[in-house]
Each structure stands twice: as C-alpha cells, then as structure tokens.
C-alpha cells in the first residue's frame, strides 16, 4: 500500500478530485495548509503599511491507495494540478505499512 501526500493550489482541488475519481480512487482527506517555497510569497498593503506574506495558502490532499494504483494516481494528480507556474505543488509517496477500518476491524488493503 502507498500513502500519497499532494500539496496543491486551492483552486485546483475539483480537478484533482475528478481526476482521481476517474482512476477509481473515491476517497481522500483534504486539509488547508500554508507553505513557503520557491513561490516566495508576496507583499500586501494594509492601512497604509506594506507587509510581506511569506506563507501562501495551499491544500494538502492525502490518499491511501493500493500499489497497483500508484502510477495512475500520480499521473492524475500531476495532470490535474499543473498550471505550469511556480507553486503548483509537490506529491510525496510513502510506504503504508498497515491500515485498519475502525468500524469493521478490516486490515490492509481490505481496509482501504
């Protein structure tokens, strides 16, 4: 099993969700996060004072998948999240050792 963590621009969420659905992945967890990287942030003017916004809003999409779904899921996220500008995000792939469905006690891929 694999665990994908994708950091994407907030306005690309629907495209990513639809792309994953087309791959047969119907589950995900989404969190609002802030990040700092090559995009470097921007400055804003508030009540006559300029201040720097370093951490920009992003979404963290987490998906647990079976090993066979990895290539399709990565391609779907990459295709759907890409705007070809700095700050499009990243996808991290981790090995998932165990999963447990609390309601039924199912383990492993059955729990997904």
C-alpha atoms as a PDB file:
ATOM      1  CA  UNK A   1       0.000   0.000   0.000  1.00  0.00           C
ATOM      2  CA  UNK A   2       1.089   3.586  -0.610  1.00  0.00           C
ATOM      3  CA  UNK A   3       0.204   6.881   1.026  1.00  0.00           C
ATOM      4  CA  UNK A   4       0.218   9.956  -1.216  1.00  0.00           C
ATOM      5  CA  UNK A   5       0.512  13.478   0.120  1.00  0.00           C
ATOM      6  CA  UNK A   6      -0.115  16.143  -2.513  1.00  0.00           C
ATOM      7  CA  UNK A   7       0.359  19.847  -1.824  1.00  0.00           C
ATOM      8  CA  UNK A   8      -1.643  21.764  -4.434  1.00  0.00           C
ATOM      9  CA  UNK A   9      -3.080  25.182  -5.195  1.00  0.00           C
ATOM     10  CA  UNK A  10      -6.546  25.550  -3.621  1.00  0.00           C
ATOM     11  CA  UNK A  11      -8.373  26.301  -6.872  1.00  0.00           C
ATOM     12  CA  UNK A  12      -7.189  23.004  -8.430  1.00  0.00           C
ATOM     13  CA  UNK A  13      -8.950  20.763  -5.884  1.00  0.00           C
ATOM     14  CA  UNK A  14     -12.002  19.923  -8.012  1.00  0.00           C
ATOM     15  CA  UNK A  15      -9.808  18.964 -10.965  1.00  0.00           C
ATOM     16  CA  UNK A  16      -7.656  16.713  -8.763  1.00  0.00           C
ATOM     17  CA  UNK A  17     -10.729  15.110  -7.184  1.00  0.00           C
ATOM     18  CA  UNK A  18     -12.281  14.388 -10.588  1.00  0.00           C
ATOM     19  CA  UNK A  19      -9.008  13.013 -11.981  1.00  0.00           C
ATOM     20  CA  UNK A  20      -8.611  10.644  -9.035  1.00  0.00           C
ATOM     21  CA  UNK A  21     -12.244   9.554  -9.366  1.00  0.00           C
ATOM     22  CA  UNK A  22     -11.602   8.627 -12.990  1.00  0.00           C
ATOM     23  CA  UNK A  23      -8.777   6.359 -11.732  1.00  0.00           C
ATOM     24  CA  UNK A  24     -11.183   4.622  -9.358  1.00  0.00           C
ATOM     25  CA  UNK A  25      -9.978   6.424  -6.231  1.00  0.00           C
ATOM     26  CA  UNK A  26     -13.068   7.591  -4.341  1.00  0.00           C
ATOM     27  CA  UNK A  27     -11.513   8.604  -1.021  1.00  0.00           C
ATOM     28  CA  UNK A  28      -9.245  11.404   0.164  1.00  0.00           C
ATOM     29  CA  UNK A  29      -8.604  13.729   3.058  1.00  0.00           C
ATOM     30  CA  UNK A  30      -8.102  17.435   2.396  1.00  0.00           C
ATOM     31  CA  UNK A  31      -6.610  19.992   4.807  1.00  0.00           C
ATOM     32  CA  UNK A  32      -5.977  23.692   4.423  1.00  0.00           C
ATOM     33  CA  UNK A  33      -2.285  24.425   4.974  1.00  0.00           C
ATOM     34  CA  UNK A  34       0.172  27.240   4.362  1.00  0.00           C
ATOM     35  CA  UNK A  35       3.518  26.829   2.685  1.00  0.00           C
ATOM     36  CA  UNK A  36       6.706  28.608   1.798  1.00  0.00           C
ATOM     37  CA  UNK A  37       8.975  27.666  -1.092  1.00  0.00           C
ATOM     38  CA  UNK A  38      10.132  28.940  -4.456  1.00  0.00           C
ATOM     39  CA  UNK A  39       6.952  30.958  -4.843  1.00  0.00           C
ATOM     40  CA  UNK A  40       8.338  33.262  -2.100  1.00  0.00           C
ATOM     41  CA  UNK A  41       5.037  34.884  -1.186  1.00  0.00           C
ATOM     42  CA  UNK A  42       4.064  38.462  -1.948  1.00  0.00           C
ATOM     43  CA  UNK A  43       3.619  41.842  -0.281  1.00  0.00           C
ATOM     44  CA  UNK A  44       0.308  43.493   0.554  1.00  0.00           C
ATOM     45  CA  UNK A  45      -0.747  46.957   1.625  1.00  0.00           C
ATOM     46  CA  UNK A  46      -2.913  47.245   4.736  1.00  0.00           C
ATOM     47  CA  UNK A  47      -3.903  50.625   6.259  1.00  0.00           C
ATOM     48  CA  UNK A  48      -1.021  52.318   4.526  1.00  0.00           C
ATOM     49  CA  UNK A  49       1.623  49.823   5.660  1.00  0.00           C
ATOM     50  CA  UNK A  50       3.208  47.248   3.433  1.00  0.00           C
ATOM     51  CA  UNK A  51       3.842  43.815   4.844  1.00  0.00           C
ATOM     52  CA  UNK A  52       5.205  40.549   3.450  1.00  0.00           C
ATOM     53  CA  UNK A  53       3.029  37.420   3.107  1.00  0.00           C
ATOM     54  CA  UNK A  54       5.557  34.575   3.191  1.00  0.00           C
ATOM     55  CA  UNK A  55       3.302  31.576   3.757  1.00  0.00           C
ATOM     56  CA  UNK A  56       0.784  31.079   0.983  1.00  0.00           C
ATOM     57  CA  UNK A  57      -2.452  29.071   1.245  1.00  0.00           C
ATOM     58  CA  UNK A  58      -2.286  25.535  -0.145  1.00  0.00           C
ATOM     59  CA  UNK A  59      -4.266  22.322   0.184  1.00  0.00           C
ATOM     60  CA  UNK A  60      -2.854  19.041   1.464  1.00  0.00           C
ATOM     61  CA  UNK A  61      -4.557  16.077  -0.190  1.00  0.00           C
ATOM     62  CA  UNK A  62      -3.920  12.683   1.426  1.00  0.00           C
ATOM     63  CA  UNK A  63      -4.799   9.424  -0.303  1.00  0.00           C
ATOM     64  CA  UNK A  64      -4.162   5.812   0.715  1.00  0.00           C
ATOM     65  CA  UNK A  65      -4.025   3.521  -2.333  1.00  0.00           C
ATOM     66  CA  UNK A  66      -3.125   0.029  -3.422  1.00  0.00           C
ATOM     67  CA  UNK A  67       0.320  -0.413  -5.018  1.00  0.00           C
ATOM     68  CA  UNK A  68      -1.215  -1.052  -8.450  1.00  0.00           C
ATOM     69  CA  UNK A  69      -2.921   2.359  -8.428  1.00  0.00           C
ATOM     70  CA  UNK A  70       0.286   4.345  -7.865  1.00  0.00           C
ATOM     71  CA  UNK A  71       1.233   5.238 -11.437  1.00  0.00           C
ATOM     72  CA  UNK A  72      -2.322   6.199 -12.416  1.00  0.00           C
ATOM     73  CA  UNK A  73      -2.806   8.286  -9.259  1.00  0.00           C
ATOM     74  CA  UNK A  74       0.477  10.155  -9.713  1.00  0.00           C
ATOM     75  CA  UNK A  75      -0.287  10.900 -13.359  1.00  0.00           C
ATOM     76  CA  UNK A  76      -3.807  12.065 -12.494  1.00  0.00           C
ATOM     77  CA  UNK A  77      -2.663  14.420  -9.740  1.00  0.00           C
ATOM     78  CA  UNK A  78       0.181  15.792 -11.831  1.00  0.00           C
ATOM     79  CA  UNK A  79      -2.076  16.409 -14.828  1.00  0.00           C
ATOM     80  CA  UNK A  80      -4.933  17.946 -12.824  1.00  0.00           C
ATOM     81  CA  UNK A  81      -2.861  20.173 -10.515  1.00  0.00           C
ATOM     82  CA  UNK A  82      -0.490  21.580 -13.141  1.00  0.00           C
ATOM     83  CA  UNK A  83      -0.818  25.247 -14.093  1.00  0.00           C
ATOM     84  CA  UNK A  84       2.802  25.480 -15.325  1.00  0.00           C
ATOM     85  CA  UNK A  85       3.616  28.272 -12.869  1.00  0.00           C
ATOM     86  CA  UNK A  86       5.757  28.329  -9.746  1.00  0.00           C
ATOM     87  CA  UNK A  87       3.859  27.000  -6.747  1.00  0.00           C
ATOM     88  CA  UNK A  88       1.961  24.166  -8.471  1.00  0.00           C
ATOM     89  CA  UNK A  89       2.973  21.931  -5.584  1.00  0.00           C
ATOM     90  CA  UNK A  90       4.502  18.538  -4.880  1.00  0.00           C
ATOM     91  CA  UNK A  91       3.451  14.923  -4.416  1.00  0.00           C
ATOM     92  CA  UNK A  92       5.144  12.718  -1.838  1.00  0.00           C
ATOM     93  CA  UNK A  93       4.848   8.919  -1.877  1.00  0.00           C
ATOM     94  CA  UNK A  94       5.272   6.943   1.343  1.00  0.00           C
ATOM     95  CA  UNK A  95       5.019   3.244   2.071  1.00  0.00           C
ATOM     96  CA  UNK A  96       1.932   2.457   4.112  1.00  0.00           C
ATOM     97  CA  UNK A  97       2.561  -0.481   6.388  1.00  0.00           C
ATOM     98  CA  UNK A  98      -0.913  -1.015   7.805  1.00  0.00           C
ATOM     99  CA  UNK A  99      -4.444   0.313   7.586  1.00  0.00           C
ATOM    100  CA  UNK A 100      -7.373  -0.550   9.855  1.00  0.00           C
ATOM    101  CA  UNK A 101     -11.030   0.211   9.225  1.00  0.00           C
ATOM    102  CA  UNK A 102     -12.268   1.037  12.702  1.00  0.00           C
ATOM    103  CA  UNK A 103     -15.919   0.126  12.080  1.00  0.00           C
ATOM    104  CA  UNK A 104     -15.271  -3.450  10.886  1.00  0.00           C
ATOM    105  CA  UNK A 105     -11.731  -4.223  12.010  1.00  0.00           C
ATOM    106  CA  UNK A 106     -10.622  -4.957   8.434  1.00  0.00           C
ATOM    107  CA  UNK A 107      -6.879  -4.642   7.879  1.00  0.00           C
ATOM    108  CA  UNK A 108      -4.533  -3.977   4.994  1.00  0.00           C
ATOM    109  CA  UNK A 109      -5.897  -3.331   1.508  1.00  0.00           C
ATOM    110  CA  UNK A 110      -9.338  -4.545   2.643  1.00  0.00           C
ATOM    111  CA  UNK A 111      -9.468  -1.518   4.945  1.00  0.00           C
ATOM    112  CA  UNK A 112      -8.964   0.871   2.045  1.00  0.00           C
END
